[in-house]
Structures are given as structure tokens and as C-alpha cells.
């Protein structure tokens, strides 16, 4: 067998980055739509408690959406360090 016969996925990281961006966008959009806000930084700490509770109850630990929730939370946290 030549190297050409073996499976290869060149630049798979590009697809991973795409999936990460999509997960972030989906989570951010769902949260903003639910709370009727324009920007994720407008959320309160209490709203994040509710969001995390929902996530724990409804999102499988293996779901790629967990990455989206974590990334959205990190953005919120960086902009609300005093909370």
C-alpha cells in the first residue's frame, strides 16, 4: 500500500474551527433570542445560573454544544469581571 491509499484528512483543524464557530453562534443566538437582548454581555449572573442549570439538565456531556456554551460564557465573563 502506498501512502496515497491510507485515509488522510489534511487541514482537519479548519473543519474543527468551523464547528466551534457554529456552536458558539447557535448558543449565542438562542440565548439572545430567549432573553430578548442584542449582546451576550447584557446577561446577568442570575440568568447565567439559569442557563447553566438548563445546560446541565438538557445537554449531553458529549454534545459539541457544550463548547459553544463554554465559549459564550467566557465572553460574558471577560466583559463582566466585576460581577
PDB file of N, CA and C in Angstrom:
ATOM      1  N   UNK A   1       0.844  -1.198   0.000  1.00  0.00           N
ATOM      2  CA  UNK A   1       0.000   0.000   0.000  1.00  0.00           C
ATOM      3  C   UNK A   1       0.883   1.253   0.000  1.00  0.00           C
ATOM      4  N   UNK A   2       0.489   2.167  -0.764  1.00  0.00           N
ATOM      5  CA  UNK A   2       1.216   3.435  -0.797  1.00  0.00           C
ATOM      6  C   UNK A   2       0.559   4.392   0.192  1.00  0.00           C
ATOM      7  N   UNK A   3       1.255   5.441   0.489  1.00  0.00           N
ATOM      8  CA  UNK A   3       0.716   6.451   1.411  1.00  0.00           C
ATOM      9  C   UNK A   3      -0.609   7.000   0.890  1.00  0.00           C
ATOM     10  N   UNK A   4      -0.759   7.073  -0.396  1.00  0.00           N
ATOM     11  CA  UNK A   4      -1.981   7.588  -1.001  1.00  0.00           C
ATOM     12  C   UNK A   4      -3.189   6.704  -0.674  1.00  0.00           C
ATOM     13  N   UNK A   5      -2.978   5.440  -0.406  1.00  0.00           N
ATOM     14  CA  UNK A   5      -4.063   4.511  -0.108  1.00  0.00           C
ATOM     15  C   UNK A   5      -4.599   4.652   1.319  1.00  0.00           C
ATOM     16  N   UNK A   6      -3.861   5.276   2.199  1.00  0.00           N
ATOM     17  CA  UNK A   6      -4.280   5.449   3.580  1.00  0.00           C
ATOM     18  C   UNK A   6      -5.138   6.703   3.723  1.00  0.00           C
ATOM     19  N   UNK A   7      -6.130   6.608   4.574  1.00  0.00           N
ATOM     20  CA  UNK A   7      -7.004   7.766   4.820  1.00  0.00           C
ATOM     21  C   UNK A   7      -6.191   8.916   5.387  1.00  0.00           C
ATOM     22  N   UNK A   8      -6.502  10.099   4.929  1.00  0.00           N
ATOM     23  CA  UNK A   8      -5.869  11.305   5.451  1.00  0.00           C
ATOM     24  C   UNK A   8      -6.891  12.429   5.388  1.00  0.00           C
ATOM     25  N   UNK A   9      -6.858  13.293   6.357  1.00  0.00           N
ATOM     26  CA  UNK A   9      -7.764  14.445   6.390  1.00  0.00           C
ATOM     27  C   UNK A   9      -6.909  15.681   6.603  1.00  0.00           C
ATOM     28  N   UNK A  10      -6.375  16.147   5.534  1.00  0.00           N
ATOM     29  CA  UNK A  10      -5.496  17.318   5.600  1.00  0.00           C
ATOM     30  C   UNK A  10      -6.293  18.526   6.078  1.00  0.00           C
ATOM     31  N   UNK A  11      -5.696  19.257   6.947  1.00  0.00           N
ATOM     32  CA  UNK A  11      -6.291  20.507   7.458  1.00  0.00           C
ATOM     33  C   UNK A  11      -7.633  20.276   8.167  1.00  0.00           C
ATOM     34  N   UNK A  12      -7.766  19.175   8.877  1.00  0.00           N
ATOM     35  CA  UNK A  12      -8.984  18.908   9.631  1.00  0.00           C
ATOM     36  C   UNK A  12      -9.261  20.039  10.629  1.00  0.00           C
ATOM     37  N   UNK A  13      -8.216  20.668  11.100  1.00  0.00           N
ATOM     38  CA  UNK A  13      -8.378  21.760  12.060  1.00  0.00           C
ATOM     39  C   UNK A  13      -9.276  22.858  11.513  1.00  0.00           C
ATOM     40  N   UNK A  14      -9.305  23.048  10.208  1.00  0.00           N
ATOM     41  CA  UNK A  14     -10.182  24.062   9.607  1.00  0.00           C
ATOM     42  C   UNK A  14     -11.648  23.703   9.850  1.00  0.00           C
ATOM     43  N   UNK A  15     -11.973  22.433   9.727  1.00  0.00           N
ATOM     44  CA  UNK A  15     -13.342  21.986   9.979  1.00  0.00           C
ATOM     45  C   UNK A  15     -13.679  22.067  11.465  1.00  0.00           C
ATOM     46  N   UNK A  16     -12.719  21.770  12.309  1.00  0.00           N
ATOM     47  CA  UNK A  16     -12.935  21.906  13.753  1.00  0.00           C
ATOM     48  C   UNK A  16     -13.211  23.354  14.124  1.00  0.00           C
ATOM     49  N   UNK A  17     -12.457  24.264  13.555  1.00  0.00           N
ATOM     50  CA  UNK A  17     -12.683  25.689  13.816  1.00  0.00           C
ATOM     51  C   UNK A  17     -14.066  26.113  13.347  1.00  0.00           C
ATOM     52  N   UNK A  18     -14.491  25.607  12.212  1.00  0.00           N
ATOM     53  CA  UNK A  18     -15.831  25.906  11.693  1.00  0.00           C
ATOM     54  C   UNK A  18     -16.904  25.405  12.662  1.00  0.00           C
ATOM     55  N   UNK A  19     -16.747  24.197  13.154  1.00  0.00           N
ATOM     56  CA  UNK A  19     -17.719  23.626  14.097  1.00  0.00           C
ATOM     57  C   UNK A  19     -17.755  24.446  15.387  1.00  0.00           C
ATOM     58  N   UNK A  20     -16.600  24.860  15.871  1.00  0.00           N
ATOM     59  CA  UNK A  20     -16.540  25.690  17.077  1.00  0.00           C
ATOM     60  C   UNK A  20     -17.274  27.012  16.873  1.00  0.00           C
ATOM     61  N   UNK A  21     -17.055  27.643  15.725  1.00  0.00           N
ATOM     62  CA  UNK A  21     -17.732  28.916  15.427  1.00  0.00           C
ATOM     63  C   UNK A  21     -19.237  28.721  15.331  1.00  0.00           C
ATOM     64  N   UNK A  22     -19.659  27.648  14.699  1.00  0.00           N
ATOM     65  CA  UNK A  22     -21.090  27.365  14.560  1.00  0.00           C
ATOM     66  C   UNK A  22     -21.734  27.098  15.921  1.00  0.00           C
ATOM     67  N   UNK A  23     -21.068  26.325  16.771  1.00  0.00           N
ATOM     68  CA  UNK A  23     -21.607  26.041  18.104  1.00  0.00           C
ATOM     69  C   UNK A  23     -21.746  27.338  18.895  1.00  0.00           C
ATOM     70  N   UNK A  24     -20.727  28.185  18.847  1.00  0.00           N
ATOM     71  CA  UNK A  24     -20.775  29.476  19.536  1.00  0.00           C
ATOM     72  C   UNK A  24     -21.954  30.299  19.022  1.00  0.00           C
ATOM     73  N   UNK A  25     -22.065  30.404  17.715  1.00  0.00           N
ATOM     74  CA  UNK A  25     -23.116  31.215  17.108  1.00  0.00           C
ATOM     75  C   UNK A  25     -24.506  30.703  17.471  1.00  0.00           C
ATOM     76  N   UNK A  26     -24.695  29.391  17.441  1.00  0.00           N
ATOM     77  CA  UNK A  26     -26.002  28.811  17.788  1.00  0.00           C
ATOM     78  C   UNK A  26     -26.376  29.081  19.239  1.00  0.00           C
ATOM     79  N   UNK A  27     -25.428  28.900  20.138  1.00  0.00           N
ATOM     80  CA  UNK A  27     -25.698  29.134  21.560  1.00  0.00           C
ATOM     81  C   UNK A  27     -25.962  30.610  21.811  1.00  0.00           C
ATOM     82  N   UNK A  28     -25.119  31.474  21.270  1.00  0.00           N
ATOM     83  CA  UNK A  28     -25.288  32.910  21.461  1.00  0.00           C
ATOM     84  C   UNK A  28     -26.645  33.376  20.931  1.00  0.00           C
ATOM     85  N   UNK A  29     -27.019  32.915  19.752  1.00  0.00           N
ATOM     86  CA  UNK A  29     -28.294  33.308  19.151  1.00  0.00           C
ATOM     87  C   UNK A  29     -29.473  32.827  19.995  1.00  0.00           C
ATOM     88  N   UNK A  30     -29.427  31.582  20.443  1.00  0.00           N
ATOM     89  CA  UNK A  30     -30.520  31.040  21.250  1.00  0.00           C
ATOM     90  C   UNK A  30     -30.687  31.818  22.549  1.00  0.00           C
ATOM     91  N   UNK A  31     -29.586  32.149  23.192  1.00  0.00           N
ATOM     92  CA  UNK A  31     -29.637  32.892  24.459  1.00  0.00           C
ATOM     93  C   UNK A  31     -30.149  34.311  24.226  1.00  0.00           C
ATOM     94  N   UNK A  32     -29.584  34.987  23.244  1.00  0.00           N
ATOM     95  CA  UNK A  32     -30.008  36.370  22.968  1.00  0.00           C
ATOM     96  C   UNK A  32     -31.485  36.431  22.581  1.00  0.00           C
ATOM     97  N   UNK A  33     -31.937  35.480  21.776  1.00  0.00           N
ATOM     98  CA  UNK A  33     -33.349  35.451  21.400  1.00  0.00           C
ATOM     99  C   UNK A  33     -34.240  35.190  22.612  1.00  0.00           C
ATOM    100  N   UNK A  34     -33.841  34.269  23.461  1.00  0.00           N
ATOM    101  CA  UNK A  34     -34.656  33.938  24.629  1.00  0.00           C
ATOM    102  C   UNK A  34     -34.799  35.127  25.582  1.00  0.00           C
ATOM    103  N   UNK A  35     -33.696  35.802  25.832  1.00  0.00           N
ATOM    104  CA  UNK A  35     -33.711  36.916  26.783  1.00  0.00           C
ATOM    105  C   UNK A  35     -33.983  38.261  26.108  1.00  0.00           C
ATOM    106  N   UNK A  36     -34.216  38.239  24.809  1.00  0.00           N
ATOM    107  CA  UNK A  36     -34.518  39.446  24.050  1.00  0.00           C
ATOM    108  C   UNK A  36     -33.459  40.531  24.265  1.00  0.00           C
ATOM    109  N   UNK A  37     -32.199  40.137  24.040  1.00  0.00           N
ATOM    110  CA  UNK A  37     -31.075  41.061  24.182  1.00  0.00           C
ATOM    111  C   UNK A  37     -30.299  41.096  22.872  1.00  0.00           C
ATOM    112  N   UNK A  38     -29.531  42.137  22.693  1.00  0.00           N
ATOM    113  CA  UNK A  38     -28.725  42.294  21.478  1.00  0.00           C
ATOM    114  C   UNK A  38     -27.330  41.692  21.631  1.00  0.00           C
ATOM    115  N   UNK A  39     -26.823  41.689  22.860  1.00  0.00           N
ATOM    116  CA  UNK A  39     -25.447  41.260  23.089  1.00  0.00           C
ATOM    117  C   UNK A  39     -25.374  40.392  24.333  1.00  0.00           C
ATOM    118  N   UNK A  40     -24.563  39.377  24.275  1.00  0.00           N
ATOM    119  CA  UNK A  40     -24.444  38.415  25.370  1.00  0.00           C
ATOM    120  C   UNK A  40     -23.970  39.076  26.667  1.00  0.00           C
ATOM    121  N   UNK A  41     -23.263  40.197  26.541  1.00  0.00           N
ATOM    122  CA  UNK A  41     -22.745  40.883  27.730  1.00  0.00           C
ATOM    123  C   UNK A  41     -23.859  41.523  28.560  1.00  0.00           C
ATOM    124  N   UNK A  42     -25.076  41.581  28.009  1.00  0.00           N
ATOM    125  CA  UNK A  42     -26.199  42.165  28.734  1.00  0.00           C
ATOM    126  C   UNK A  42     -26.808  41.205  29.756  1.00  0.00           C
ATOM    127  N   UNK A  43     -26.404  39.950  29.741  1.00  0.00           N
ATOM    128  CA  UNK A  43     -26.960  38.977  30.687  1.00  0.00           C
ATOM    129  C   UNK A  43     -26.516  39.275  32.110  1.00  0.00           C
ATOM    130  N   UNK A  44     -27.342  38.869  33.047  1.00  0.00           N
ATOM    131  CA  UNK A  44     -26.993  38.998  34.462  1.00  0.00           C
ATOM    132  C   UNK A  44     -26.401  37.675  34.949  1.00  0.00           C
ATOM    133  N   UNK A  45     -25.754  37.717  36.091  1.00  0.00           N
ATOM    134  CA  UNK A  45     -25.209  36.498  36.694  1.00  0.00           C
ATOM    135  C   UNK A  45     -26.332  35.508  36.999  1.00  0.00           C
ATOM    136  N   UNK A  46     -27.483  36.016  37.412  1.00  0.00           N
ATOM    137  CA  UNK A  46     -28.621  35.149  37.722  1.00  0.00           C
ATOM    138  C   UNK A  46     -29.117  34.427  36.461  1.00  0.00           C
ATOM    139  N   UNK A  47     -29.103  35.115  35.341  1.00  0.00           N
ATOM    140  CA  UNK A  47     -29.511  34.475  34.092  1.00  0.00           C
ATOM    141  C   UNK A  47     -28.538  33.368  33.711  1.00  0.00           C
ATOM    142  N   UNK A  48     -27.256  33.587  33.982  1.00  0.00           N
ATOM    143  CA  UNK A  48     -26.277  32.541  33.690  1.00  0.00           C
ATOM    144  C   UNK A  48     -26.485  31.328  34.569  1.00  0.00           C
ATOM    145  N   UNK A  49     -26.905  31.546  35.812  1.00  0.00           N
ATOM    146  CA  UNK A  49     -27.210  30.405  36.681  1.00  0.00           C
ATOM    147  C   UNK A  49     -28.323  29.572  36.043  1.00  0.00           C
ATOM    148  N   UNK A  50     -29.352  30.235  35.541  1.00  0.00           N
ATOM    149  CA  UNK A  50     -30.454  29.533  34.876  1.00  0.00           C
ATOM    150  C   UNK A  50     -29.981  28.819  33.610  1.00  0.00           C
ATOM    151  N   UNK A  51     -29.144  29.485  32.842  1.00  0.00           N
ATOM    152  CA  UNK A  51     -28.631  28.889  31.602  1.00  0.00           C
ATOM    153  C   UNK A  51     -27.808  27.645  31.913  1.00  0.00           C
ATOM    154  N   UNK A  52     -26.924  27.740  32.900  1.00  0.00           N
ATOM    155  CA  UNK A  52     -26.103  26.587  33.276  1.00  0.00           C
ATOM    156  C   UNK A  52     -26.961  25.435  33.802  1.00  0.00           C
ATOM    157  N   UNK A  53     -27.988  25.759  34.557  1.00  0.00           N
ATOM    158  CA  UNK A  53     -28.887  24.721  35.064  1.00  0.00           C
ATOM    159  C   UNK A  53     -29.569  24.008  33.899  1.00  0.00           C
ATOM    160  N   UNK A  54     -30.038  24.773  32.917  1.00  0.00           N
ATOM    161  CA  UNK A  54     -30.671  24.174  31.745  1.00  0.00           C
ATOM    162  C   UNK A  54     -29.671  23.303  30.989  1.00  0.00           C
ATOM    163  N   UNK A  55     -28.470  23.820  30.818  1.00  0.00           N
ATOM    164  CA  UNK A  55     -27.424  23.081  30.102  1.00  0.00           C
ATOM    165  C   UNK A  55     -27.140  21.750  30.790  1.00  0.00           C
ATOM    166  N   UNK A  56     -26.968  21.787  32.103  1.00  0.00           N
ATOM    167  CA  UNK A  56     -26.682  20.565  32.860  1.00  0.00           C
ATOM    168  C   UNK A  56     -27.791  19.528  32.715  1.00  0.00           C
ATOM    169  N   UNK A  57     -29.003  19.991  32.645  1.00  0.00           N
ATOM    170  CA  UNK A  57     -30.158  19.105  32.586  1.00  0.00           C
ATOM    171  C   UNK A  57     -30.454  18.594  31.177  1.00  0.00           C
ATOM    172  N   UNK A  58     -30.089  19.358  30.155  1.00  0.00           N
ATOM    173  CA  UNK A  58     -30.537  19.057  28.801  1.00  0.00           C
ATOM    174  C   UNK A  58     -29.454  18.760  27.766  1.00  0.00           C
ATOM    175  N   UNK A  59     -28.222  19.045  28.074  1.00  0.00           N
ATOM    176  CA  UNK A  59     -27.164  18.867  27.084  1.00  0.00           C
ATOM    177  C   UNK A  59     -26.242  17.729  27.521  1.00  0.00           C
ATOM    178  N   UNK A  60     -26.120  16.738  26.667  1.00  0.00           N
ATOM    179  CA  UNK A  60     -25.253  15.593  26.946  1.00  0.00           C
ATOM    180  C   UNK A  60     -23.817  16.054  27.151  1.00  0.00           C
ATOM    181  N   UNK A  61     -23.120  15.370  28.020  1.00  0.00           N
ATOM    182  CA  UNK A  61     -21.719  15.733  28.252  1.00  0.00           C
ATOM    183  C   UNK A  61     -20.875  15.549  26.993  1.00  0.00           C
ATOM    184  N   UNK A  62     -21.348  14.788  26.042  1.00  0.00           N
ATOM    185  CA  UNK A  62     -20.624  14.542  24.800  1.00  0.00           C
ATOM    186  C   UNK A  62     -21.039  15.484  23.669  1.00  0.00           C
ATOM    187  N   UNK A  63     -22.002  16.339  23.929  1.00  0.00           N
ATOM    188  CA  UNK A  63     -22.510  17.226  22.890  1.00  0.00           C
ATOM    189  C   UNK A  63     -21.479  18.297  22.529  1.00  0.00           C
ATOM    190  N   UNK A  64     -21.313  18.557  21.243  1.00  0.00           N
ATOM    191  CA  UNK A  64     -20.414  19.641  20.840  1.00  0.00           C
ATOM    192  C   UNK A  64     -20.942  21.015  21.255  1.00  0.00           C
ATOM    193  N   UNK A  65     -22.230  21.091  21.622  1.00  0.00           N
ATOM    194  CA  UNK A  65     -22.796  22.368  22.044  1.00  0.00           C
ATOM    195  C   UNK A  65     -22.197  22.840  23.367  1.00  0.00           C
ATOM    196  N   UNK A  66     -21.671  21.929  24.170  1.00  0.00           N
ATOM    197  CA  UNK A  66     -21.034  22.336  25.427  1.00  0.00           C
ATOM    198  C   UNK A  66     -19.885  23.298  25.183  1.00  0.00           C
ATOM    199  N   UNK A  67     -19.161  23.082  24.100  1.00  0.00           N
ATOM    200  CA  UNK A  67     -18.084  24.002  23.740  1.00  0.00           C
ATOM    201  C   UNK A  67     -18.662  25.386  23.458  1.00  0.00           C
ATOM    202  N   UNK A  68     -19.795  25.434  22.783  1.00  0.00           N
ATOM    203  CA  UNK A  68     -20.446  26.708  22.494  1.00  0.00           C
ATOM    204  C   UNK A  68     -20.871  27.419  23.763  1.00  0.00           C
ATOM    205  N   UNK A  69     -21.478  26.676  24.698  1.00  0.00           N
ATOM    206  CA  UNK A  69     -21.885  27.270  25.970  1.00  0.00           C
ATOM    207  C   UNK A  69     -20.668  27.811  26.722  1.00  0.00           C
ATOM    208  N   UNK A  70     -19.595  27.035  26.749  1.00  0.00           N
ATOM    209  CA  UNK A  70     -18.384  27.474  27.458  1.00  0.00           C
ATOM    210  C   UNK A  70     -17.793  28.727  26.841  1.00  0.00           C
ATOM    211  N   UNK A  71     -17.729  28.759  25.520  1.00  0.00           N
ATOM    212  CA  UNK A  71     -17.150  29.921  24.842  1.00  0.00           C
ATOM    213  C   UNK A  71     -18.001  31.173  25.039  1.00  0.00           C
ATOM    214  N   UNK A  72     -19.322  31.023  24.950  1.00  0.00           N
ATOM    215  CA  UNK A  72     -20.211  32.172  25.162  1.00  0.00           C
ATOM    216  C   UNK A  72     -20.080  32.667  26.600  1.00  0.00           C
ATOM    217  N   UNK A  73     -20.046  31.742  27.544  1.00  0.00           N
ATOM    218  CA  UNK A  73     -19.885  32.131  28.950  1.00  0.00           C
ATOM    219  C   UNK A  73     -18.558  32.862  29.154  1.00  0.00           C
ATOM    220  N   UNK A  74     -17.489  32.371  28.531  1.00  0.00           N
ATOM    221  CA  UNK A  74     -16.182  33.019  28.680  1.00  0.00           C
ATOM    222  C   UNK A  74     -16.201  34.454  28.163  1.00  0.00           C
ATOM    223  N   UNK A  75     -16.888  34.683  27.063  1.00  0.00           N
ATOM    224  CA  UNK A  75     -17.013  36.048  26.531  1.00  0.00           C
ATOM    225  C   UNK A  75     -17.766  36.918  27.523  1.00  0.00           C
ATOM    226  N   UNK A  76     -18.875  36.390  28.042  1.00  0.00           N
ATOM    227  CA  UNK A  76     -19.654  37.146  29.027  1.00  0.00           C
ATOM    228  C   UNK A  76     -18.798  37.456  30.257  1.00  0.00           C
ATOM    229  N   UNK A  77     -18.101  36.436  30.741  1.00  0.00           N
ATOM    230  CA  UNK A  77     -17.292  36.595  31.953  1.00  0.00           C
ATOM    231  C   UNK A  77     -16.186  37.620  31.777  1.00  0.00           C
ATOM    232  N   UNK A  78     -15.536  37.631  30.618  1.00  0.00           N
ATOM    233  CA  UNK A  78     -14.469  38.609  30.370  1.00  0.00           C
ATOM    234  C   UNK A  78     -14.998  40.034  30.383  1.00  0.00           C
ATOM    235  N   UNK A  79     -16.246  40.203  29.992  1.00  0.00           N
ATOM    236  CA  UNK A  79     -16.835  41.530  29.937  1.00  0.00           C
ATOM    237  C   UNK A  79     -17.575  41.908  31.225  1.00  0.00           C
ATOM    238  N   UNK A  80     -17.645  40.992  32.157  1.00  0.00           N
ATOM    239  CA  UNK A  80     -18.353  41.230  33.423  1.00  0.00           C
ATOM    240  C   UNK A  80     -17.496  40.758  34.596  1.00  0.00           C
ATOM    241  N   UNK A  81     -16.233  41.084  34.581  1.00  0.00           N
ATOM    242  CA  UNK A  81     -15.323  40.626  35.623  1.00  0.00           C
ATOM    243  C   UNK A  81     -15.685  41.127  37.013  1.00  0.00           C
ATOM    244  N   UNK A  82     -16.377  42.227  37.080  1.00  0.00           N
ATOM    245  CA  UNK A  82     -16.731  42.815  38.376  1.00  0.00           C
ATOM    246  C   UNK A  82     -17.980  42.191  38.979  1.00  0.00           C
ATOM    247  N   UNK A  83     -18.631  41.281  38.261  1.00  0.00           N
ATOM    248  CA  UNK A  83     -19.874  40.658  38.759  1.00  0.00           C
ATOM    249  C   UNK A  83     -19.545  39.534  39.699  1.00  0.00           C
TER     250      UNK A  83
END
